[in-house]
Amino acid sequence: QVQLVESGGGLVQAGGSLRLSCAASGRTFSTYNMGWFRQAPGKEREFVAAITWPGHTYYADSMKGRFTISRDNAKNTVYLQMNVLKPEDTDVYYCAAGIGSSIARTRNWDYWGQGTQVTVSS
């Protein structure tokens, strides 16, 4: 069992930056792929970024060049650095952990955090 707790969300002006963190419980963190998704009310959960257990990174096209995912296995934590934020980035951001390879699909992931709200004002 893995428990995930996100933090770092908040209100930021357009063009600003935020860094989200996701702390995971359990000793096997380093063996899991980790991902970030986001979801707006009434919409499907959308893939943002993922980092595999060996450290390969993947991004949704709209986030490439603005967002960076990283992990610190010693701290059981995955990060999402978000730069040049836009109002359309406003969403609840969720952390996920899993061992599957279909990283952009929500059903690939085994564990989810509770989400953290990111609001970007124009």
PDB file of N, CA and C in Angstrom:
ATOM      1  N   GLN A   1       0.846  -1.191   0.000  1.00  0.00           N
ATOM      2  CA  GLN A   1       0.000   0.000   0.000  1.00  0.00           C
ATOM      3  C   GLN A   1       0.884   1.245   0.000  1.00  0.00           C
ATOM      4  N   VAL A   2       0.504   2.206  -0.819  1.00  0.00           N
ATOM      5  CA  VAL A   2       1.232   3.469  -0.902  1.00  0.00           C
ATOM      6  C   VAL A   2       0.248   4.600  -0.637  1.00  0.00           C
ATOM      7  N   GLN A   3       0.631   5.497   0.226  1.00  0.00           N
ATOM      8  CA  GLN A   3      -0.172   6.691   0.472  1.00  0.00           C
ATOM      9  C   GLN A   3       0.569   7.899  -0.065  1.00  0.00           C
ATOM     10  N   LEU A   4      -0.175   8.780  -0.733  1.00  0.00           N
ATOM     11  CA  LEU A   4       0.417   9.945  -1.382  1.00  0.00           C
ATOM     12  C   LEU A   4      -0.220  11.207  -0.829  1.00  0.00           C
ATOM     13  N   VAL A   5       0.601  12.183  -0.514  1.00  0.00           N
ATOM     14  CA  VAL A   5       0.107  13.453   0.012  1.00  0.00           C
ATOM     15  C   VAL A   5       0.744  14.587  -0.785  1.00  0.00           C
ATOM     16  N   GLU A   6      -0.094  15.342  -1.499  1.00  0.00           N
ATOM     17  CA  GLU A   6       0.388  16.470  -2.293  1.00  0.00           C
ATOM     18  C   GLU A   6       0.417  17.744  -1.451  1.00  0.00           C
ATOM     19  N   SER A   7       1.285  18.642  -1.836  1.00  0.00           N
ATOM     20  CA  SER A   7       1.343  19.968  -1.225  1.00  0.00           C
ATOM     21  C   SER A   7       1.950  20.935  -2.234  1.00  0.00           C
ATOM     22  N   GLY A   8       1.841  22.228  -1.911  1.00  0.00           N
ATOM     23  CA  GLY A   8       2.475  23.241  -2.749  1.00  0.00           C
ATOM     24  C   GLY A   8       1.544  24.002  -3.655  1.00  0.00           C
ATOM     25  N   GLY A   9       0.273  23.615  -3.685  1.00  0.00           N
ATOM     26  CA  GLY A   9      -0.663  24.362  -4.506  1.00  0.00           C
ATOM     27  C   GLY A   9      -0.952  25.728  -3.922  1.00  0.00           C
ATOM     28  N   GLY A  10      -1.652  26.550  -4.684  1.00  0.00           N
ATOM     29  CA  GLY A  10      -1.996  27.881  -4.202  1.00  0.00           C
ATOM     30  C   GLY A  10      -2.416  28.784  -5.327  1.00  0.00           C
ATOM     31  N   LEU A  11      -2.432  30.077  -5.020  1.00  0.00           N
ATOM     32  CA  LEU A  11      -2.835  31.109  -5.977  1.00  0.00           C
ATOM     33  C   LEU A  11      -1.583  31.823  -6.483  1.00  0.00           C
ATOM     34  N   VAL A  12      -1.478  31.940  -7.792  1.00  0.00           N
ATOM     35  CA  VAL A  12      -0.323  32.603  -8.386  1.00  0.00           C
ATOM     36  C   VAL A  12      -0.789  33.400  -9.593  1.00  0.00           C
ATOM     37  N   GLN A  13      -0.091  34.473  -9.905  1.00  0.00           N
ATOM     38  CA  GLN A  13      -0.428  35.262 -11.084  1.00  0.00           C
ATOM     39  C   GLN A  13       0.111  34.596 -12.339  1.00  0.00           C
ATOM     40  N   ALA A  14      -0.524  34.882 -13.453  1.00  0.00           N
ATOM     41  CA  ALA A  14      -0.064  34.366 -14.736  1.00  0.00           C
ATOM     42  C   ALA A  14       1.397  34.747 -14.952  1.00  0.00           C
ATOM     43  N   GLY A  15       2.168  33.791 -15.447  1.00  0.00           N
ATOM     44  CA  GLY A  15       3.600  33.992 -15.635  1.00  0.00           C
ATOM     45  C   GLY A  15       4.446  33.563 -14.452  1.00  0.00           C
ATOM     46  N   GLY A  16       3.789  33.294 -13.336  1.00  0.00           N
ATOM     47  CA  GLY A  16       4.509  32.894 -12.134  1.00  0.00           C
ATOM     48  C   GLY A  16       4.818  31.411 -12.103  1.00  0.00           C
ATOM     49  N   SER A  17       5.350  30.973 -10.961  1.00  0.00           N
ATOM     50  CA  SER A  17       5.790  29.587 -10.794  1.00  0.00           C
ATOM     51  C   SER A  17       5.268  29.008  -9.484  1.00  0.00           C
ATOM     52  N   LEU A  18       5.126  27.709  -9.493  1.00  0.00           N
ATOM     53  CA  LEU A  18       4.816  26.942  -8.286  1.00  0.00           C
ATOM     54  C   LEU A  18       5.564  25.628  -8.359  1.00  0.00           C
ATOM     55  N   ARG A  19       5.888  25.073  -7.197  1.00  0.00           N
ATOM     56  CA  ARG A  19       6.444  23.720  -7.153  1.00  0.00           C
ATOM     57  C   ARG A  19       5.554  22.852  -6.284  1.00  0.00           C
ATOM     58  N   LEU A  20       4.995  21.843  -6.888  1.00  0.00           N
ATOM     59  CA  LEU A  20       4.187  20.876  -6.160  1.00  0.00           C
ATOM     60  C   LEU A  20       5.081  19.748  -5.656  1.00  0.00           C
ATOM     61  N   SER A  21       4.722  19.241  -4.496  1.00  0.00           N
ATOM     62  CA  SER A  21       5.422  18.092  -3.930  1.00  0.00           C
ATOM     63  C   SER A  21       4.419  16.986  -3.647  1.00  0.00           C
ATOM     64  N   CYS A  22       4.894  15.770  -3.719  1.00  0.00           N
ATOM     65  CA  CYS A  22       4.068  14.613  -3.396  1.00  0.00           C
ATOM     66  C   CYS A  22       4.917  13.662  -2.557  1.00  0.00           C
ATOM     67  N   ALA A  23       4.561  13.548  -1.298  1.00  0.00           N
ATOM     68  CA  ALA A  23       5.278  12.668  -0.384  1.00  0.00           C
ATOM     69  C   ALA A  23       4.591  11.311  -0.343  1.00  0.00           C
ATOM     70  N   ALA A  24       5.381  10.267  -0.512  1.00  0.00           N
ATOM     71  CA  ALA A  24       4.840   8.904  -0.550  1.00  0.00           C
ATOM     72  C   ALA A  24       5.282   8.120   0.672  1.00  0.00           C
ATOM     73  N   SER A  25       4.381   7.294   1.153  1.00  0.00           N
ATOM     74  CA  SER A  25       4.740   6.383   2.242  1.00  0.00           C
ATOM     75  C   SER A  25       5.264   5.079   1.647  1.00  0.00           C
ATOM     76  N   GLY A  26       5.881   4.271   2.475  1.00  0.00           N
ATOM     77  CA  GLY A  26       6.303   2.957   2.010  1.00  0.00           C
ATOM     78  C   GLY A  26       7.759   2.905   1.599  1.00  0.00           C
ATOM     79  N   ARG A  27       8.315   1.708   1.682  1.00  0.00           N
ATOM     80  CA  ARG A  27       9.725   1.523   1.404  1.00  0.00           C
ATOM     81  C   ARG A  27      10.026   1.307  -0.061  1.00  0.00           C
ATOM     82  N   THR A  28       8.996   1.081  -0.873  1.00  0.00           N
ATOM     83  CA  THR A  28       9.219   0.699  -2.254  1.00  0.00           C
ATOM     84  C   THR A  28       9.016   1.845  -3.216  1.00  0.00           C
ATOM     85  N   PHE A  29       9.107   3.071  -2.728  1.00  0.00           N
ATOM     86  CA  PHE A  29       8.883   4.249  -3.574  1.00  0.00           C
ATOM     87  C   PHE A  29       9.758   4.202  -4.813  1.00  0.00           C
ATOM     88  N   SER A  30      11.014   3.829  -4.658  1.00  0.00           N
ATOM     89  CA  SER A  30      11.960   3.878  -5.775  1.00  0.00           C
ATOM     90  C   SER A  30      11.608   2.894  -6.895  1.00  0.00           C
ATOM     91  N   THR A  31      10.712   1.965  -6.632  1.00  0.00           N
ATOM     92  CA  THR A  31      10.338   0.982  -7.649  1.00  0.00           C
ATOM     93  C   THR A  31       9.070   1.366  -8.403  1.00  0.00           C
ATOM     94  N   TYR A  32       8.457   2.479  -8.022  1.00  0.00           N
ATOM     95  CA  TYR A  32       7.225   2.919  -8.658  1.00  0.00           C
ATOM     96  C   TYR A  32       7.488   4.017  -9.692  1.00  0.00           C
ATOM     97  N   ASN A  33       6.716   3.963 -10.763  1.00  0.00           N
ATOM     98  CA  ASN A  33       6.595   5.130 -11.619  1.00  0.00           C
ATOM     99  C   ASN A  33       5.713   6.142 -10.902  1.00  0.00           C
ATOM    100  N   MET A  34       5.999   7.423 -11.090  1.00  0.00           N
ATOM    101  CA  MET A  34       5.231   8.478 -10.438  1.00  0.00           C
ATOM    102  C   MET A  34       4.704   9.440 -11.493  1.00  0.00           C
ATOM    103  N   GLY A  35       3.496   9.926 -11.265  1.00  0.00           N
ATOM    104  CA  GLY A  35       2.903  10.804 -12.256  1.00  0.00           C
ATOM    105  C   GLY A  35       2.129  11.945 -11.634  1.00  0.00           C
ATOM    106  N   TRP A  36       1.873  12.946 -12.454  1.00  0.00           N
ATOM    107  CA  TRP A  36       1.008  14.065 -12.085  1.00  0.00           C
ATOM    108  C   TRP A  36      -0.105  14.169 -13.126  1.00  0.00           C
ATOM    109  N   PHE A  37      -1.310  14.364 -12.617  1.00  0.00           N
ATOM    110  CA  PHE A  37      -2.481  14.597 -13.449  1.00  0.00           C
ATOM    111  C   PHE A  37      -3.173  15.842 -12.927  1.00  0.00           C
ATOM    112  N   ARG A  38      -4.099  16.356 -13.715  1.00  0.00           N
ATOM    113  CA  ARG A  38      -4.897  17.480 -13.251  1.00  0.00           C
ATOM    114  C   ARG A  38      -6.320  17.320 -13.730  1.00  0.00           C
ATOM    115  N   GLN A  39      -7.217  17.972 -13.001  1.00  0.00           N
ATOM    116  CA  GLN A  39      -8.632  17.821 -13.319  1.00  0.00           C
ATOM    117  C   GLN A  39      -9.401  19.072 -12.952  1.00  0.00           C
ATOM    118  N   ALA A  40     -10.213  19.526 -13.891  1.00  0.00           N
ATOM    119  CA  ALA A  40     -11.121  20.640 -13.651  1.00  0.00           C
ATOM    120  C   ALA A  40     -12.504  20.073 -13.379  1.00  0.00           C
ATOM    121  N   PRO A  41     -13.351  20.821 -12.685  1.00  0.00           N
ATOM    122  CA  PRO A  41     -14.708  20.344 -12.402  1.00  0.00           C
ATOM    123  C   PRO A  41     -15.450  19.969 -13.676  1.00  0.00           C
ATOM    124  N   GLY A  42     -16.032  18.779 -13.691  1.00  0.00           N
ATOM    125  CA  GLY A  42     -16.810  18.347 -14.834  1.00  0.00           C
ATOM    126  C   GLY A  42     -16.003  17.822 -15.996  1.00  0.00           C
ATOM    127  N   LYS A  43     -14.692  17.780 -15.844  1.00  0.00           N
ATOM    128  CA  LYS A  43     -13.834  17.291 -16.925  1.00  0.00           C
ATOM    129  C   LYS A  43     -13.094  16.035 -16.498  1.00  0.00           C
ATOM    130  N   GLU A  44     -12.570  15.319 -17.489  1.00  0.00           N
ATOM    131  CA  GLU A  44     -11.783  14.129 -17.186  1.00  0.00           C
ATOM    132  C   GLU A  44     -10.412  14.514 -16.646  1.00  0.00           C
ATOM    133  N   ARG A  45      -9.864  13.588 -15.871  1.00  0.00           N
ATOM    134  CA  ARG A  45      -8.530  13.794 -15.357  1.00  0.00           C
ATOM    135  C   ARG A  45      -7.527  13.715 -16.518  1.00  0.00           C
ATOM    136  N   GLU A  46      -6.603  14.671 -16.535  1.00  0.00           N
ATOM    137  CA  GLU A  46      -5.709  14.870 -17.685  1.00  0.00           C
ATOM    138  C   GLU A  46      -4.263  14.611 -17.277  1.00  0.00           C
ATOM    139  N   PHE A  47      -3.544  13.873 -18.111  1.00  0.00           N
ATOM    140  CA  PHE A  47      -2.138  13.597 -17.863  1.00  0.00           C
ATOM    141  C   PHE A  47      -1.312  14.877 -17.965  1.00  0.00           C
ATOM    142  N   VAL A  48      -0.388  15.046 -17.018  1.00  0.00           N
ATOM    143  CA  VAL A  48       0.512  16.193 -17.018  1.00  0.00           C
ATOM    144  C   VAL A  48       1.945  15.748 -17.269  1.00  0.00           C
ATOM    145  N   ALA A  49       2.442  14.868 -16.408  1.00  0.00           N
ATOM    146  CA  ALA A  49       3.839  14.440 -16.515  1.00  0.00           C
ATOM    147  C   ALA A  49       4.028  13.149 -15.735  1.00  0.00           C
ATOM    148  N   ALA A  50       5.089  12.424 -16.074  1.00  0.00           N
ATOM    149  CA  ALA A  50       5.416  11.204 -15.348  1.00  0.00           C
ATOM    150  C   ALA A  50       6.922  11.005 -15.339  1.00  0.00           C
ATOM    151  N   ILE A  51       7.371  10.301 -14.314  1.00  0.00           N
ATOM    152  CA  ILE A  51       8.777   9.928 -14.225  1.00  0.00           C
ATOM    153  C   ILE A  51       8.822   8.462 -13.821  1.00  0.00           C
ATOM    154  N   THR A  52       9.532   7.654 -14.595  1.00  0.00           N
ATOM    155  CA  THR A  52       9.602   6.239 -14.305  1.00  0.00           C
ATOM    156  C   THR A  52      10.589   5.970 -13.171  1.00  0.00           C
ATOM    157  N   TRP A  53      10.556   4.714 -12.682  1.00  0.00           N
ATOM    158  CA  TRP A  53      11.446   4.421 -11.567  1.00  0.00           C
ATOM    159  C   TRP A  53      12.923   4.567 -11.938  1.00  0.00           C
ATOM    160  N   PRO A  54      13.343   4.319 -13.240  1.00  0.00           N
ATOM    161  CA  PRO A  54      14.745   4.585 -13.593  1.00  0.00           C
ATOM    162  C   PRO A  54      15.033   6.068 -13.829  1.00  0.00           C
ATOM    163  N   GLY A  55      13.968   6.896 -13.930  1.00  0.00           N
ATOM    164  CA  GLY A  55      14.189   8.321 -14.092  1.00  0.00           C
ATOM    165  C   GLY A  55      13.840   8.904 -15.453  1.00  0.00           C
ATOM    166  N   HIS A  56      13.209   8.130 -16.334  1.00  0.00           N
ATOM    167  CA  HIS A  56      12.789   8.683 -17.623  1.00  0.00           C
ATOM    168  C   HIS A  56      11.559   9.558 -17.417  1.00  0.00           C
ATOM    169  N   THR A  57      11.531  10.695 -18.113  1.00  0.00           N
ATOM    170  CA  THR A  57      10.445  11.644 -17.927  1.00  0.00           C
ATOM    171  C   THR A  57       9.588  11.775 -19.182  1.00  0.00           C
ATOM    172  N   TYR A  58       8.316  12.050 -18.961  1.00  0.00           N
ATOM    173  CA  TYR A  58       7.349  12.204 -20.040  1.00  0.00           C
ATOM    174  C   TYR A  58       6.431  13.368 -19.690  1.00  0.00           C
ATOM    175  N   TYR A  59       6.011  14.114 -20.723  1.00  0.00           N
ATOM    176  CA  TYR A  59       5.175  15.283 -20.512  1.00  0.00           C
ATOM    177  C   TYR A  59       4.052  15.338 -21.538  1.00  0.00           C
ATOM    178  N   ALA A  60       2.922  15.894 -21.116  1.00  0.00           N
ATOM    179  CA  ALA A  60       1.897  16.252 -22.081  1.00  0.00           C
ATOM    180  C   ALA A  60       2.440  17.384 -22.942  1.00  0.00           C
ATOM    181  N   ASP A  61       2.012  17.433 -24.178  1.00  0.00           N
ATOM    182  CA  ASP A  61       2.578  18.407 -25.114  1.00  0.00           C
ATOM    183  C   ASP A  61       2.454  19.838 -24.613  1.00  0.00           C
ATOM    184  N   SER A  62       1.329  20.173 -24.001  1.00  0.00           N
ATOM    185  CA  SER A  62       1.110  21.557 -23.582  1.00  0.00           C
ATOM    186  C   SER A  62       1.967  21.951 -22.386  1.00  0.00           C
ATOM    187  N   MET A  63       2.596  20.985 -21.729  1.00  0.00           N
ATOM    188  CA  MET A  63       3.427  21.273 -20.568  1.00  0.00           C
ATOM    189  C   MET A  63       4.916  21.245 -20.885  1.00  0.00           C
ATOM    190  N   LYS A  64       5.280  20.714 -22.032  1.00  0.00           N
ATOM    191  CA  LYS A  64       6.697  20.621 -22.369  1.00  0.00           C
ATOM    192  C   LYS A  64       7.338  22.003 -22.392  1.00  0.00           C
ATOM    193  N   GLY A  65       8.487  22.105 -21.741  1.00  0.00           N
ATOM    194  CA  GLY A  65       9.203  23.364 -21.689  1.00  0.00           C
ATOM    195  C   GLY A  65       8.788  24.271 -20.547  1.00  0.00           C
ATOM    196  N   ARG A  66       7.635  24.006 -19.935  1.00  0.00           N
ATOM    197  CA  ARG A  66       7.169  24.825 -18.811  1.00  0.00           C
ATOM    198  C   ARG A  66       7.203  24.058 -17.497  1.00  0.00           C
ATOM    199  N   PHE A  67       6.906  22.768 -17.550  1.00  0.00           N
ATOM    200  CA  PHE A  67       6.839  21.941 -16.344  1.00  0.00           C
ATOM    201  C   PHE A  67       8.010  20.972 -16.315  1.00  0.00           C
ATOM    202  N   THR A  68       8.490  20.683 -15.108  1.00  0.00           N
ATOM    203  CA  THR A  68       9.561  19.710 -14.927  1.00  0.00           C
ATOM    204  C   THR A  68       9.214  18.783 -13.779  1.00  0.00           C
ATOM    205  N   ILE A  69       9.238  17.492 -14.053  1.00  0.00           N
ATOM    206  CA  ILE A  69       8.998  16.505 -13.004  1.00  0.00           C
ATOM    207  C   ILE A  69      10.330  15.933 -12.558  1.00  0.00           C
ATOM    208  N   SER A  70      10.448  15.698 -11.268  1.00  0.00           N
ATOM    209  CA  SER A  70      11.667  15.108 -10.729  1.00  0.00           C
ATOM    210  C   SER A  70      11.305  14.293  -9.493  1.00  0.00           C
ATOM    211  N   ARG A  71      12.236  13.484  -9.053  1.00  0.00           N
ATOM    212  CA  ARG A  71      11.984  12.678  -7.862  1.00  0.00           C
ATOM    213  C   ARG A  71      13.237  12.607  -7.008  1.00  0.00           C
ATOM    214  N   ASP A  72      13.005  12.453  -5.722  1.00  0.00           N
ATOM    215  CA  ASP A  72      14.082  12.271  -4.758  1.00  0.00           C
ATOM    216  C   ASP A  72      13.751  10.992  -4.004  1.00  0.00           C
ATOM    217  N   ASN A  73      14.375   9.900  -4.390  1.00  0.00           N
ATOM    218  CA  ASN A  73      14.047   8.605  -3.784  1.00  0.00           C
ATOM    219  C   ASN A  73      14.441   8.553  -2.316  1.00  0.00           C
ATOM    220  N   ALA A  74      15.443   9.312  -1.926  1.00  0.00           N
ATOM    221  CA  ALA A  74      15.851   9.323  -0.516  1.00  0.00           C
ATOM    222  C   ALA A  74      14.783   9.961   0.360  1.00  0.00           C
ATOM    223  N   LYS A  75      13.996  10.862  -0.237  1.00  0.00           N
ATOM    224  CA  LYS A  75      12.935  11.543   0.511  1.00  0.00           C
ATOM    225  C   LYS A  75      11.551  11.004   0.181  1.00  0.00           C
ATOM    226  N   ASN A  76      11.473   9.977  -0.670  1.00  0.00           N
ATOM    227  CA  ASN A  76      10.177   9.433  -1.087  1.00  0.00           C
ATOM    228  C   ASN A  76       9.257  10.528  -1.616  1.00  0.00           C
ATOM    229  N   THR A  77       9.804  11.407  -2.421  1.00  0.00           N
ATOM    230  CA  THR A  77       9.047  12.569  -2.876  1.00  0.00           C
ATOM    231  C   THR A  77       9.231  12.786  -4.369  1.00  0.00           C
ATOM    232  N   VAL A  78       8.137  13.155  -5.015  1.00  0.00           N
ATOM    233  CA  VAL A  78       8.179  13.555  -6.416  1.00  0.00           C
ATOM    234  C   VAL A  78       7.722  15.008  -6.490  1.00  0.00           C
ATOM    235  N   TYR A  79       8.319  15.744  -7.401  1.00  0.00           N
ATOM    236  CA  TYR A  79       8.058  17.170  -7.530  1.00  0.00           C
ATOM    237  C   TYR A  79       7.538  17.495  -8.925  1.00  0.00           C
ATOM    238  N   LEU A  80       6.798  18.593  -8.988  1.00  0.00           N
ATOM    239  CA  LEU A  80       6.410  19.148 -10.278  1.00  0.00           C
ATOM    240  C   LEU A  80       6.674  20.642 -10.218  1.00  0.00           C
ATOM    241  N   GLN A  81       7.723  21.065 -10.913  1.00  0.00           N
ATOM    242  CA  GLN A  81       8.039  22.481 -11.021  1.00  0.00           C
ATOM    243  C   GLN A  81       7.257  23.042 -12.194  1.00  0.00           C
ATOM    244  N   MET A  82       6.448  24.043 -11.925  1.00  0.00           N
ATOM    245  CA  MET A  82       5.598  24.632 -12.959  1.00  0.00           C
ATOM    246  C   MET A  82       5.994  26.097 -13.155  1.00  0.00           C
ATOM    247  N   ASN A  83       6.418  26.420 -14.344  1.00  0.00           N
ATOM    248  CA  ASN A  83       6.837  27.781 -14.675  1.00  0.00           C
ATOM    249  C   ASN A  83       5.945  28.370 -15.764  1.00  0.00           C
ATOM    250  N   VAL A  84       5.995  29.679 -15.883  1.00  0.00           N
ATOM    251  CA  VAL A  84       5.205  30.397 -16.894  1.00  0.00           C
ATOM    252  C   VAL A  84       3.753  29.916 -16.853  1.00  0.00           C
ATOM    253  N   LEU A  85       3.183  29.959 -15.674  1.00  0.00           N
ATOM    254  CA  LEU A  85       1.823  29.446 -15.501  1.00  0.00           C
ATOM    255  C   LEU A  85       0.812  30.327 -16.217  1.00  0.00           C
ATOM    256  N   LYS A  86      -0.224  29.666 -16.706  1.00  0.00           N
ATOM    257  CA  LYS A  86      -1.280  30.329 -17.439  1.00  0.00           C
ATOM    258  C   LYS A  86      -2.617  30.106 -16.729  1.00  0.00           C
ATOM    259  N   PRO A  87      -3.584  30.984 -16.937  1.00  0.00           N
ATOM    260  CA  PRO A  87      -4.901  30.765 -16.308  1.00  0.00           C
ATOM    261  C   PRO A  87      -5.494  29.399 -16.628  1.00  0.00           C
ATOM    262  N   GLU A  88      -5.224  28.884 -17.809  1.00  0.00           N
ATOM    263  CA  GLU A  88      -5.761  27.570 -18.176  1.00  0.00           C
ATOM    264  C   GLU A  88      -5.079  26.408 -17.443  1.00  0.00           C
ATOM    265  N   ASP A  89      -4.025  26.699 -16.678  1.00  0.00           N
ATOM    266  CA  ASP A  89      -3.403  25.679 -15.824  1.00  0.00           C
ATOM    267  C   ASP A  89      -4.148  25.520 -14.502  1.00  0.00           C
ATOM    268  N   THR A  90      -5.152  26.348 -14.274  1.00  0.00           N
ATOM    269  CA  THR A  90      -5.946  26.254 -13.049  1.00  0.00           C
ATOM    270  C   THR A  90      -6.689  24.933 -13.002  1.00  0.00           C
ATOM    271  N   ASP A  91      -6.407  24.137 -11.970  1.00  0.00           N
ATOM    272  CA  ASP A  91      -6.980  22.805 -11.837  1.00  0.00           C
ATOM    273  C   ASP A  91      -6.629  22.269 -10.457  1.00  0.00           C
ATOM    274  N   VAL A  92      -7.201  21.124 -10.126  1.00  0.00           N
ATOM    275  CA  VAL A  92      -6.718  20.335  -9.007  1.00  0.00           C
ATOM    276  C   VAL A  92      -5.674  19.365  -9.564  1.00  0.00           C
ATOM    277  N   TYR A  93      -4.516  19.363  -8.938  1.00  0.00           N
ATOM    278  CA  TYR A  93      -3.412  18.517  -9.400  1.00  0.00           C
ATOM    279  C   TYR A  93      -3.279  17.300  -8.478  1.00  0.00           C
ATOM    280  N   TYR A  94      -3.183  16.138  -9.116  1.00  0.00           N
ATOM    281  CA  TYR A  94      -3.124  14.873  -8.390  1.00  0.00           C
ATOM    282  C   TYR A  94      -1.810  14.157  -8.663  1.00  0.00           C
ATOM    283  N   CYS A  95      -1.284  13.560  -7.632  1.00  0.00           N
ATOM    284  CA  CYS A  95      -0.107  12.711  -7.732  1.00  0.00           C
ATOM    285  C   CYS A  95      -0.565  11.262  -7.835  1.00  0.00           C
ATOM    286  N   ALA A  96       0.176  10.458  -8.590  1.00  0.00           N
ATOM    287  CA  ALA A  96      -0.174   9.058  -8.759  1.00  0.00           C
ATOM    288  C   ALA A  96       1.071   8.192  -8.731  1.00  0.00           C
ATOM    289  N   ALA A  97       0.881   6.950  -8.306  1.00  0.00           N
ATOM    290  CA  ALA A  97       1.972   5.975  -8.275  1.00  0.00           C
ATOM    291  C   ALA A  97       1.489   4.675  -8.899  1.00  0.00           C
ATOM    292  N   GLY A  98       2.370   4.007  -9.628  1.00  0.00           N
ATOM    293  CA  GLY A  98       1.985   2.746 -10.252  1.00  0.00           C
ATOM    294  C   GLY A  98       3.161   2.057 -10.887  1.00  0.00           C
ATOM    295  N   ILE A  99       2.891   0.864 -11.413  1.00  0.00           N
ATOM    296  CA  ILE A  99       3.946   0.088 -12.066  1.00  0.00           C
ATOM    297  C   ILE A  99       3.652  -0.164 -13.528  1.00  0.00           C
ATOM    298  N   GLY A 100       2.518   0.285 -14.019  1.00  0.00           N
ATOM    299  CA  GLY A 100       2.155   0.070 -15.411  1.00  0.00           C
ATOM    300  C   GLY A 100       2.914   0.989 -16.350  1.00  0.00           C
ATOM    301  N   SER A 101       2.800   0.687 -17.645  1.00  0.00           N
ATOM    302  CA  SER A 101       3.551   1.434 -18.648  1.00  0.00           C
ATOM    303  C   SER A 101       2.696   2.423 -19.434  1.00  0.00           C
ATOM    304  N   SER A 102       1.377   2.353 -19.327  1.00  0.00           N
ATOM    305  CA  SER A 102       0.513   3.281 -20.054  1.00  0.00           C
ATOM    306  C   SER A 102       0.361   4.555 -19.234  1.00  0.00           C
ATOM    307  N   ILE A 103       1.387   5.334 -19.187  1.00  0.00           N
ATOM    308  CA  ILE A 103       1.483   6.400 -18.200  1.00  0.00           C
ATOM    309  C   ILE A 103       0.476   7.518 -18.392  1.00  0.00           C
ATOM    310  N   ALA A 104      -0.051   7.703 -19.583  1.00  0.00           N
ATOM    311  CA  ALA A 104      -0.983   8.803 -19.819  1.00  0.00           C
ATOM    312  C   ALA A 104      -2.428   8.418 -19.485  1.00  0.00           C
ATOM    313  N   ARG A 105      -2.661   7.172 -19.143  1.00  0.00           N
ATOM    314  CA  ARG A 105      -4.014   6.697 -18.890  1.00  0.00           C
ATOM    315  C   ARG A 105      -4.251   6.584 -17.392  1.00  0.00           C
ATOM    316  N   THR A 106      -5.331   7.160 -16.894  1.00  0.00           N
ATOM    317  CA  THR A 106      -5.576   7.183 -15.455  1.00  0.00           C
ATOM    318  C   THR A 106      -5.691   5.776 -14.889  1.00  0.00           C
ATOM    319  N   ARG A 107      -6.257   4.834 -15.638  1.00  0.00           N
ATOM    320  CA  ARG A 107      -6.447   3.484 -15.093  1.00  0.00           C
ATOM    321  C   ARG A 107      -5.141   2.701 -14.993  1.00  0.00           C
ATOM    322  N   ASN A 108      -4.061   3.279 -15.504  1.00  0.00           N
ATOM    323  CA  ASN A 108      -2.748   2.649 -15.385  1.00  0.00           C
ATOM    324  C   ASN A 108      -2.207   2.751 -13.969  1.00  0.00           C
ATOM    325  N   TRP A 109      -2.700   3.739 -13.220  1.00  0.00           N
ATOM    326  CA  TRP A 109      -2.096   4.087 -11.945  1.00  0.00           C
ATOM    327  C   TRP A 109      -2.844   3.426 -10.784  1.00  0.00           C
ATOM    328  N   ASP A 110      -2.062   2.987  -9.805  1.00  0.00           N
ATOM    329  CA  ASP A 110      -2.616   2.197  -8.708  1.00  0.00           C
ATOM    330  C   ASP A 110      -3.004   3.025  -7.487  1.00  0.00           C
ATOM    331  N   TYR A 111      -2.298   4.116  -7.266  1.00  0.00           N
ATOM    332  CA  TYR A 111      -2.519   4.912  -6.057  1.00  0.00           C
ATOM    333  C   TYR A 111      -2.618   6.383  -6.445  1.00  0.00           C
ATOM    334  N   TRP A 112      -3.472   7.093  -5.696  1.00  0.00           N
ATOM    335  CA  TRP A 112      -3.703   8.515  -5.962  1.00  0.00           C
ATOM    336  C   TRP A 112      -3.681   9.303  -4.668  1.00  0.00           C
ATOM    337  N   GLY A 113      -3.195  10.538  -4.764  1.00  0.00           N
ATOM    338  CA  GLY A 113      -3.298  11.453  -3.650  1.00  0.00           C
ATOM    339  C   GLY A 113      -4.653  12.141  -3.654  1.00  0.00           C
ATOM    340  N   GLN A 114      -4.828  13.040  -2.695  1.00  0.00           N
ATOM    341  CA  GLN A 114      -6.104  13.719  -2.530  1.00  0.00           C
ATOM    342  C   GLN A 114      -6.220  14.968  -3.398  1.00  0.00           C
ATOM    343  N   GLY A 115      -5.126  15.405  -3.957  1.00  0.00           N
ATOM    344  CA  GLY A 115      -5.135  16.567  -4.846  1.00  0.00           C
ATOM    345  C   GLY A 115      -4.777  17.860  -4.143  1.00  0.00           C
ATOM    346  N   THR A 116      -4.233  18.789  -4.919  1.00  0.00           N
ATOM    347  CA  THR A 116      -3.929  20.117  -4.415  1.00  0.00           C
ATOM    348  C   THR A 116      -4.370  21.131  -5.468  1.00  0.00           C
ATOM    349  N   GLN A 117      -5.011  22.198  -5.022  1.00  0.00           N
ATOM    350  CA  GLN A 117      -5.586  23.187  -5.935  1.00  0.00           C
ATOM    351  C   GLN A 117      -4.520  24.177  -6.399  1.00  0.00           C
ATOM    352  N   VAL A 118      -4.468  24.377  -7.694  1.00  0.00           N
ATOM    353  CA  VAL A 118      -3.628  25.411  -8.294  1.00  0.00           C
ATOM    354  C   VAL A 118      -4.537  26.390  -9.011  1.00  0.00           C
ATOM    355  N   THR A 119      -4.412  27.668  -8.655  1.00  0.00           N
ATOM    356  CA  THR A 119      -5.224  28.706  -9.282  1.00  0.00           C
ATOM    357  C   THR A 119      -4.301  29.773  -9.849  1.00  0.00           C
ATOM    358  N   VAL A 120      -4.449  30.031 -11.146  1.00  0.00           N
ATOM    359  CA  VAL A 120      -3.615  31.025 -11.818  1.00  0.00           C
ATOM    360  C   VAL A 120      -4.512  32.179 -12.241  1.00  0.00           C
ATOM    361  N   SER A 121      -4.229  33.352 -11.710  1.00  0.00           N
ATOM    362  CA  SER A 121      -5.041  34.520 -12.030  1.00  0.00           C
ATOM    363  C   SER A 121      -4.450  35.270 -13.222  1.00  0.00           C
ATOM    364  N   SER A 122      -5.330  35.883 -13.976  1.00  0.00           N
ATOM    365  CA  SER A 122      -4.876  36.611 -15.174  1.00  0.00           C
ATOM    366  C   SER A 122      -4.560  38.060 -14.857  1.00  0.00           C
TER     367      SER A 122
END
